[in-house]
């Protein structure tokens, strides 16, 4: 799922829950918050596991010989690679993900800049992970931008006007999906969400995407988080979420998207907000 940062907007800020927010509200009005992404107050506990941490090793198909398997590893993204990661996320998602290709986001430098700014901000929670070949390689081949959202976070509910009409329509669609109240439905004060899965196209059919979704459950267990909830925007990722027992909460069909975006190719059958309860 993708939550973006946009610095040009007009509108009204709505504060969720009663907390001290005078300075933060001023920042919102200066345009420093994303269109619907919260001020992330959750901090990674230092005493649970060290940072950066190696989370998981697994075997999957080799890109050179599908009959062979090689070992991969998923680990925390170190701070000195954040700039590289946001560049790779833009490439892997905006250039190659079918829905974003259809919306031509890759062709707009301002849109790319805003995506990168939001991912960079979310990386500061030190929860995002990357996948590597486990042979000493430092090449990043898969990424999941992970954040913890708390009920007490402040969320911008601006009525926005953006430089890109398709972007404006896309944001409205994401807002609509997030109208589902995850906190109330599941009785939680926080949950883990992925704000983007980016995979090197060469590795698309190796099974790395499954492991990047699956790792969220292990991270939740480690930090005592009871829920992971994300928007899945492609058919393959929706199928993976279903396989891993995620339950749908709110969705929009291809027909819905045609009504929103106009004539676009049938690149996806729908997008869906889905949740996995950590039992």
Protein backbone atom coordinates (compact mmCIF):
# COMPACT_ATOMS: atom_id res chain seq x y z
CA UNK A 1 0.00 0.00 0.00
CA UNK A 2 1.28 3.85 -0.72
CA UNK A 3 0.82 6.91 1.48
CA UNK A 4 2.37 9.98 -0.04
CA UNK A 5 3.62 13.41 1.02
CA UNK A 6 2.42 16.53 -0.74
CA UNK A 7 3.61 19.98 0.19
CA UNK A 8 1.15 22.00 -1.89
CA UNK A 9 -2.38 21.98 -0.57
CA UNK A 10 -5.24 24.09 0.66
CA UNK A 11 -7.81 22.94 3.12
CA UNK A 12 -8.80 22.30 6.68
CA UNK A 13 -6.86 20.23 9.18
CA UNK A 14 -8.84 17.91 11.38
CA UNK A 15 -7.15 16.62 14.53
CA UNK A 16 -8.01 13.10 15.61
CA UNK A 17 -8.13 12.73 19.38
CA UNK A 18 -7.42 15.50 21.82
CA UNK A 19 -3.68 16.08 22.12
CA UNK A 20 -1.40 19.09 22.33
CA UNK A 21 -0.80 20.06 18.72
CA UNK A 22 -0.27 23.79 18.37
CA UNK A 23 3.21 23.62 16.84
CA UNK A 24 2.35 20.56 14.78
CA UNK A 25 -0.76 22.23 13.42
CA UNK A 26 1.36 25.18 12.31
CA UNK A 27 3.62 22.72 10.48
CA UNK A 28 0.58 21.26 8.74
CA UNK A 29 -0.48 24.65 7.51
CA UNK A 30 3.01 25.23 6.16
CA UNK A 31 2.58 22.06 4.15
CA UNK A 32 4.95 19.79 6.05
CA UNK A 33 2.56 16.87 6.52
CA UNK A 34 1.39 14.30 4.00
CA UNK A 35 -2.11 14.35 2.58
CA UNK A 36 -3.41 11.61 4.87
CA UNK A 37 -0.33 10.21 6.57
CA UNK A 38 -0.07 10.81 10.30
CA UNK A 39 2.63 12.40 12.37
CA UNK A 40 4.21 9.15 13.44
CA UNK A 41 4.74 9.26 17.20
CA UNK A 42 5.64 5.60 17.73
CA UNK A 43 9.30 5.06 18.52
CA UNK A 44 11.15 1.79 18.05
CA UNK A 45 12.10 0.41 21.49
CA UNK A 46 15.87 0.16 21.74
CA UNK A 47 15.88 -2.74 24.20
CA UNK A 48 13.87 -5.28 22.14
CA UNK A 49 16.16 -6.02 19.19
CA UNK A 50 19.19 -4.07 17.95
CA UNK A 51 19.04 -1.80 14.91
CA UNK A 52 19.74 -2.74 12.21
CA UNK A 53 18.46 -6.27 12.73
CA UNK A 54 18.48 -9.36 10.49
CA UNK A 55 14.88 -10.59 10.49
CA UNK A 56 14.61 -13.63 8.27
CA UNK A 57 16.44 -15.87 5.82
CA UNK A 58 14.66 -18.00 3.23
CA UNK A 59 15.25 -19.83 -0.02
CA UNK A 60 13.55 -18.85 -3.27
CA UNK A 61 13.98 -19.23 -7.01
CA UNK A 62 17.19 -18.12 -8.66
CA UNK A 63 16.69 -15.52 -11.38
CA UNK A 64 19.38 -17.28 -13.42
CA UNK A 65 17.95 -20.79 -13.20
CA UNK A 66 14.31 -21.22 -12.04
CA UNK A 67 15.03 -24.86 -11.18
CA UNK A 68 17.54 -23.79 -8.56
CA UNK A 69 16.98 -22.02 -5.24
CA UNK A 70 19.23 -19.50 -3.55
CA UNK A 71 19.16 -17.99 -0.07
CA UNK A 72 17.91 -14.48 0.60
CA UNK A 73 17.80 -12.37 3.75
CA UNK A 74 15.42 -9.65 4.96
CA UNK A 75 16.88 -7.07 7.32
CA UNK A 76 16.39 -3.52 8.57
CA UNK A 77 17.38 -0.74 6.19
CA UNK A 78 20.36 1.11 7.69
CA UNK A 79 20.15 4.88 7.85
CA UNK A 80 23.04 5.44 5.44
CA UNK A 81 21.00 3.81 2.64
CA UNK A 82 17.77 5.81 3.00
CA UNK A 83 18.46 8.00 -0.05
CA UNK A 84 19.18 4.95 -2.18
CA UNK A 85 16.02 3.25 -0.95
CA UNK A 86 13.68 6.10 -1.87
CA UNK A 87 15.25 6.24 -5.34
CA UNK A 88 14.72 2.49 -5.77
CA UNK A 89 11.13 2.69 -4.47
CA UNK A 90 10.32 5.37 -7.04
CA UNK A 91 11.85 3.26 -9.80
CA UNK A 92 10.30 -0.07 -8.79
CA UNK A 93 6.83 1.30 -8.07
CA UNK A 94 6.19 4.44 -10.10
CA UNK A 95 7.89 3.19 -13.25
CA UNK A 96 6.82 -0.46 -13.19
CA UNK A 97 3.69 -0.91 -11.03
CA UNK A 98 0.77 -1.18 -13.53
CA UNK A 99 -1.65 1.22 -11.81
CA UNK A 100 0.97 3.97 -11.47
CA UNK A 101 2.13 3.40 -15.02
CA UNK A 102 -1.47 3.89 -16.16
CA UNK A 103 -1.68 7.12 -14.17
CA UNK A 104 1.69 8.27 -15.63
CA UNK A 105 3.13 9.29 -12.27
CA UNK A 106 6.66 8.41 -13.42
CA UNK A 107 6.43 11.17 -16.01
CA UNK A 108 5.92 13.91 -13.40
CA UNK A 109 9.05 14.99 -11.51
CA UNK A 110 7.04 16.81 -8.84
CA UNK A 111 4.97 13.71 -8.09
CA UNK A 112 8.13 11.62 -7.82
CA UNK A 113 9.64 14.18 -5.45
CA UNK A 114 6.65 14.01 -3.13
CA UNK A 115 6.60 10.22 -3.07
CA UNK A 116 10.28 10.21 -2.13
CA UNK A 117 9.79 12.80 0.61
CA UNK A 118 7.10 10.71 2.29
CA UNK A 119 9.06 7.48 2.13
CA UNK A 120 12.11 9.24 3.56
CA UNK A 121 10.03 10.52 6.49
CA UNK A 122 8.59 7.08 7.21
CA UNK A 123 12.02 5.45 7.12
CA UNK A 124 12.87 7.42 10.26
CA UNK A 125 10.77 4.99 12.34
CA UNK A 126 13.50 2.39 11.64
CA UNK A 127 11.01 -0.37 10.81
CA UNK A 128 11.36 -0.61 7.04
CA UNK A 129 13.09 -3.67 5.64
CA UNK A 130 14.98 -4.69 2.53
CA UNK A 131 15.72 -8.03 0.90
CA UNK A 132 19.19 -9.07 -0.24
CA UNK A 133 20.81 -12.19 -1.61
CA UNK A 134 22.41 -13.88 1.38
CA UNK A 135 25.81 -14.26 -0.25
CA UNK A 136 27.41 -11.08 1.03
CA UNK A 137 25.78 -8.94 -1.65
CA UNK A 138 24.70 -5.43 -0.67
CA UNK A 139 22.34 -5.07 -3.66
CA UNK A 140 18.81 -4.21 -2.52
CA UNK A 141 16.32 -6.32 -4.49
CA UNK A 142 13.13 -5.77 -2.49
CA UNK A 143 11.77 -3.18 -0.06
CA UNK A 144 8.82 -2.79 2.31
CA UNK A 145 8.28 0.66 3.83
CA UNK A 146 6.83 -0.10 7.27
CA UNK A 147 5.40 2.24 9.89
CA UNK A 148 3.39 1.98 13.08
CA UNK A 149 0.32 4.22 13.20
CA UNK A 150 -1.11 5.06 16.63
CA UNK A 151 -4.65 6.12 17.44
CA UNK A 152 -3.35 9.31 19.01
CA UNK A 153 -1.47 10.37 15.87
CA UNK A 154 -2.59 13.53 14.15
CA UNK A 155 -3.88 12.96 10.64
CA UNK A 156 -4.24 15.60 7.98
CA UNK A 157 -7.73 15.55 6.48
CA UNK A 158 -7.13 18.35 4.00
CA UNK A 159 -9.34 19.08 1.06
CA UNK A 160 -6.52 19.34 -1.42
CA UNK A 161 -5.74 20.66 -4.86
CA UNK A 162 -2.61 19.23 -6.51
CA UNK A 163 -0.63 19.94 -9.62
CA UNK A 164 -1.62 16.60 -11.12
CA UNK A 165 -5.31 15.78 -11.62
CA UNK A 166 -4.76 12.02 -11.57
CA UNK A 167 -2.81 12.38 -8.35
CA UNK A 168 -5.66 14.34 -6.80
CA UNK A 169 -8.11 11.61 -7.81
CA UNK A 170 -5.78 8.89 -6.53
CA UNK A 171 -5.48 10.62 -3.15
CA UNK A 172 -9.25 10.85 -2.89
CA UNK A 173 -9.48 7.12 -3.56
CA UNK A 174 -6.95 6.32 -0.83
CA UNK A 175 -8.77 8.61 1.60
CA UNK A 176 -11.98 6.77 0.84
CA UNK A 177 -10.40 3.40 1.59
CA UNK A 178 -8.97 4.72 4.87
CA UNK A 179 -12.41 5.89 5.97
CA UNK A 180 -12.64 2.42 7.49
CA UNK A 181 -11.89 2.81 11.22
CA UNK A 182 -9.32 0.10 11.91
CA UNK A 183 -8.84 1.22 15.51
CA UNK A 184 -12.51 0.94 16.40
CA UNK A 185 -13.15 -2.26 14.47
CA UNK A 186 -10.33 -4.19 16.14
CA UNK A 187 -10.10 -2.34 19.46
CA UNK A 188 -6.42 -1.44 19.09
CA UNK A 189 -4.43 1.73 19.71
CA UNK A 190 -1.76 1.02 17.10
CA UNK A 191 -1.09 -1.11 14.07
CA UNK A 192 1.67 -1.81 11.56
CA UNK A 193 1.19 -0.80 7.95
CA UNK A 194 3.25 -1.07 4.77
CA UNK A 195 3.29 2.10 2.74
CA UNK A 196 4.82 0.46 -0.30
CA UNK A 197 6.32 -2.79 -1.59
CA UNK A 198 9.07 -2.29 -4.16
CA UNK A 199 10.74 -5.22 -5.90
CA UNK A 200 13.39 -5.26 -8.62
CA UNK A 201 11.50 -6.43 -11.73
CA UNK A 202 14.10 -9.17 -12.28
CA UNK A 203 12.97 -10.78 -9.02
CA UNK A 204 9.20 -10.44 -9.49
CA UNK A 205 8.48 -14.16 -9.83
CA UNK A 206 10.86 -15.54 -7.23
CA UNK A 207 8.59 -15.42 -4.16
CA UNK A 208 10.35 -12.48 -2.53
CA UNK A 209 7.09 -10.52 -2.55
CA UNK A 210 5.46 -13.16 -0.34
CA UNK A 211 8.28 -12.96 2.19
CA UNK A 212 8.15 -9.15 2.30
CA UNK A 213 4.46 -9.29 3.20
CA UNK A 214 4.94 -12.17 5.62
CA UNK A 215 7.71 -10.42 7.58
CA UNK A 216 5.19 -7.90 8.91
CA UNK A 217 3.73 -10.59 11.18
CA UNK A 218 7.14 -11.36 12.71
CA UNK A 219 7.84 -7.67 13.28
CA UNK A 220 4.44 -7.26 14.95
CA UNK A 221 5.13 -10.16 17.31
CA UNK A 222 8.58 -8.81 18.18
CA UNK A 223 7.26 -5.38 19.19
CA UNK A 224 3.95 -6.52 20.69
CA UNK A 225 1.77 -5.06 17.94
CA UNK A 226 -1.55 -6.89 17.52
CA UNK A 227 -2.47 -5.89 13.98
CA UNK A 228 -1.07 -5.21 10.53
CA UNK A 229 -3.24 -3.42 7.98
CA UNK A 230 -2.31 -2.18 4.49
CA UNK A 231 -3.77 -1.23 1.12
CA UNK A 232 -2.90 -3.72 -1.62
CA UNK A 233 -3.06 -2.12 -5.06
CA UNK A 234 -2.16 -4.93 -7.46
CA UNK A 235 -3.75 -8.28 -8.22
CA UNK A 236 -0.59 -10.28 -7.30
CA UNK A 237 -0.24 -8.50 -3.94
CA UNK A 238 -3.93 -8.96 -3.16
CA UNK A 239 -3.57 -12.69 -3.82
CA UNK A 240 -0.55 -12.86 -1.52
CA UNK A 241 -2.47 -11.06 1.24
CA UNK A 242 -5.36 -13.53 0.86
CA UNK A 243 -2.92 -16.46 1.02
CA UNK A 244 -1.47 -15.07 4.26
CA UNK A 245 -4.96 -14.78 5.84
CA UNK A 246 -5.43 -11.02 5.56
CA UNK A 247 -9.12 -10.09 5.74
CA UNK A 248 -10.68 -7.40 3.51
CA UNK A 249 -12.03 -4.27 5.20
CA UNK A 250 -12.69 -1.84 2.39
CA UNK A 251 -12.23 -2.10 -1.37
CA UNK A 252 -12.82 -0.46 -4.72
CA UNK A 253 -13.33 -2.39 -7.94
CA UNK A 254 -11.89 -1.75 -11.39
CA UNK A 255 -15.28 -0.32 -12.35
CA UNK A 256 -15.01 2.12 -9.44
CA UNK A 257 -11.56 3.18 -10.61
CA UNK A 258 -12.78 3.64 -14.19
CA UNK A 259 -15.40 6.04 -12.86
CA UNK A 260 -12.73 7.93 -10.90
CA UNK A 261 -9.84 7.99 -13.38
CA UNK A 262 -11.67 7.77 -16.68
CA UNK A 263 -10.46 5.40 -19.37
CA UNK A 264 -7.56 3.34 -18.00
CA UNK A 265 -6.50 -0.15 -19.06
CA UNK A 266 -7.65 -3.08 -16.90
CA UNK A 267 -4.34 -3.21 -15.05
CA UNK A 268 -5.95 -4.29 -11.77
CA UNK A 269 -9.32 -5.76 -10.86
CA UNK A 270 -9.46 -3.68 -7.69
CA UNK A 271 -7.57 -2.34 -4.66
CA UNK A 272 -8.29 -3.30 -1.09
CA UNK A 273 -7.53 -2.39 2.52
CA UNK A 274 -6.79 -5.69 4.28
CA UNK A 275 -5.93 -6.59 7.85
CA UNK A 276 -4.21 -9.46 9.63
CA UNK A 277 -4.84 -9.96 13.34
CA UNK A 278 -1.76 -11.29 15.11
CA UNK A 279 -3.01 -14.14 17.27
